Amino acid sequence: MTSIRCMRVLVVEDQKRTASFIRKALLAEGFAVDVAEDGETALELTGATTFDAIVLDIMLPGRDGLSVLRLLRERRISTPVLLLSARGETNERVEGLNAGADDYLPKPFVLEELFARLRALGRRGGEQASSVLRVADLTLDTVSRTARRSGRLIELSAREFRLLELLMRTPGRVCSRMMILEKVWDYGFDPGTNVVEVYVSRLRDKIDEGKASKMLHTVRGVGYVLKEAQ
């Protein structure tokens, strides 16, 4: 089952004030949150990151929410989707569910109901998804929160675990420093410290310990990437 405290949610909402309000409320409840203000950005994020649930507003500029939903399902992205709409019409609700939505919440809504629905979606999605991430001989169990390489147990702090999970969900892709700050520390800004470099160095020492072939690499001036050792 997906750990509710660690659920990562993508909020797709073009109204900045509403998006900020939802983001702050979810963060206060222990969710990790990313925000997209339009459909194209949402599709880019879902292609690069694995989310536990998506809160998707139907009324978006350009590509609307239903169009985004259909493309997600065409791409076989099965992340649970909670649709939001100010209209709440029955035919729209039916259209959304037929397009692959998992739940529907009309605006305005009570935050406690949003939290409850997301947690239910997280449990449902967690039952279907594998809890173990694998890259070559490195494994990460997101339920027991343990990491191993070639069977050797790797002791990780909570922050190191989140960093490794991000890298293992995007193997072979470079994660920029800012992306790591946003997804591991939930920062929307660069604090101007070397915290990312310090944690990457610690994680590299732990997962590559005693191995001639290294998995965690620095791409100078770009970011960091985890990939199968050559």
Foldseek 3Di string as FASTA:
>chain_A
DFDLLEFEEEEAAQPVVVQVVLCVLVVVVRYQYDYHNALVVVVVDVVQFQGQEYEAEQDHPDQGRLNSLLVCVVVVNLRAYEYEYQPPDPVVVVSSVVSRHPYYDYPPDDSVVVSVVSVVSSVVSVVVDQQWFDAPQWIARSPVGWIDGVRHTFDDDPLLSQLVVSQSRRAPDFQFPCNSCCRRVVDPDDPPDCVVVVSLVVSQCRRCPPHPFGFWDADPPGGIHGHHTD
